[in-house]
Amino acid sequence: MRGKVEKVNGNSVIVDIPINDSSEEHEMFEKTIVDHKRYKIIEG
């Protein structure tokens, strides 16, 4: 799963994850919290 970091907190980050909905023309996002131990940074 890929997303964009919105905010960095002490023990976690808030991430925007794109939601692909074929009925919508514009892209929507869902926010989630991810612990620092549970993600990997990649270049886009």
C-alpha atoms as a PDB file:
ATOM      1  CA  MET A   1       0.000   0.000   0.000  1.00  0.00           C
ATOM      2  CA  ARG A   2       1.325   3.463  -0.845  1.00  0.00           C
ATOM      3  CA  GLY A   3       0.399   6.847   0.559  1.00  0.00           C
ATOM      4  CA  LYS A   4       1.697  10.339   1.245  1.00  0.00           C
ATOM      5  CA  VAL A   5       2.854  11.378   4.723  1.00  0.00           C
ATOM      6  CA  GLU A   6       0.816  14.328   5.912  1.00  0.00           C
ATOM      7  CA  LYS A   7       2.185  14.776   9.446  1.00  0.00           C
ATOM      8  CA  VAL A   8       4.998  13.245  11.506  1.00  0.00           C
ATOM      9  CA  ASN A   9       4.238  12.599  15.198  1.00  0.00           C
ATOM     10  CA  GLY A  10       6.470  11.241  17.976  1.00  0.00           C
ATOM     11  CA  ASN A  11       5.685   7.536  17.460  1.00  0.00           C
ATOM     12  CA  SER A  12       3.735   7.564  14.200  1.00  0.00           C
ATOM     13  CA  VAL A  13       2.847   9.361  10.974  1.00  0.00           C
ATOM     14  CA  ILE A  14      -0.501  10.375   9.501  1.00  0.00           C
ATOM     15  CA  VAL A  15      -0.756   9.114   5.922  1.00  0.00           C
ATOM     16  CA  ASP A  16      -3.125   9.963   3.046  1.00  0.00           C
ATOM     17  CA  ILE A  17      -3.890   6.764   1.136  1.00  0.00           C
ATOM     18  CA  PRO A  18      -5.524   7.187  -2.308  1.00  0.00           C
ATOM     19  CA  ILE A  19      -8.893   5.466  -2.748  1.00  0.00           C
ATOM     20  CA  ASN A  20      -9.505   4.305  -6.306  1.00  0.00           C
ATOM     21  CA  ASP A  21     -13.223   4.460  -7.008  1.00  0.00           C
ATOM     22  CA  SER A  22     -14.094   3.829 -10.651  1.00  0.00           C
ATOM     23  CA  SER A  23     -17.387   5.716 -10.314  1.00  0.00           C
ATOM     24  CA  GLU A  24     -15.606   8.938  -9.288  1.00  0.00           C
ATOM     25  CA  GLU A  25     -13.556  11.036 -11.693  1.00  0.00           C
ATOM     26  CA  HIS A  26     -11.544  12.733  -8.969  1.00  0.00           C
ATOM     27  CA  GLU A  27      -9.189  10.945  -6.612  1.00  0.00           C
ATOM     28  CA  MET A  28     -10.204  10.681  -2.945  1.00  0.00           C
ATOM     29  CA  PHE A  29      -7.997   9.998   0.081  1.00  0.00           C
ATOM     30  CA  GLU A  30      -8.394   8.194   3.371  1.00  0.00           C
ATOM     31  CA  LYS A  31      -6.227   9.175   6.339  1.00  0.00           C
ATOM     32  CA  THR A  32      -4.680   6.588   8.636  1.00  0.00           C
ATOM     33  CA  ILE A  33      -2.082   6.481  11.411  1.00  0.00           C
ATOM     34  CA  VAL A  34       0.986   4.283  10.909  1.00  0.00           C
ATOM     35  CA  ASP A  35       3.597   3.400  13.547  1.00  0.00           C
ATOM     36  CA  HIS A  36       7.206   4.313  12.638  1.00  0.00           C
ATOM     37  CA  LYS A  37       8.124   0.591  12.704  1.00  0.00           C
ATOM     38  CA  ARG A  38       5.457  -0.318  10.099  1.00  0.00           C
ATOM     39  CA  TYR A  39       6.369   1.677   6.979  1.00  0.00           C
ATOM     40  CA  LYS A  40       9.187   2.231   4.493  1.00  0.00           C
ATOM     41  CA  ILE A  41       9.991   5.524   2.763  1.00  0.00           C
ATOM     42  CA  ILE A  42      10.197   5.359  -1.030  1.00  0.00           C
ATOM     43  CA  GLU A  43      10.808   8.013  -3.663  1.00  0.00           C
ATOM     44  CA  GLY A  44       7.773   8.768  -5.749  1.00  0.00           C
END
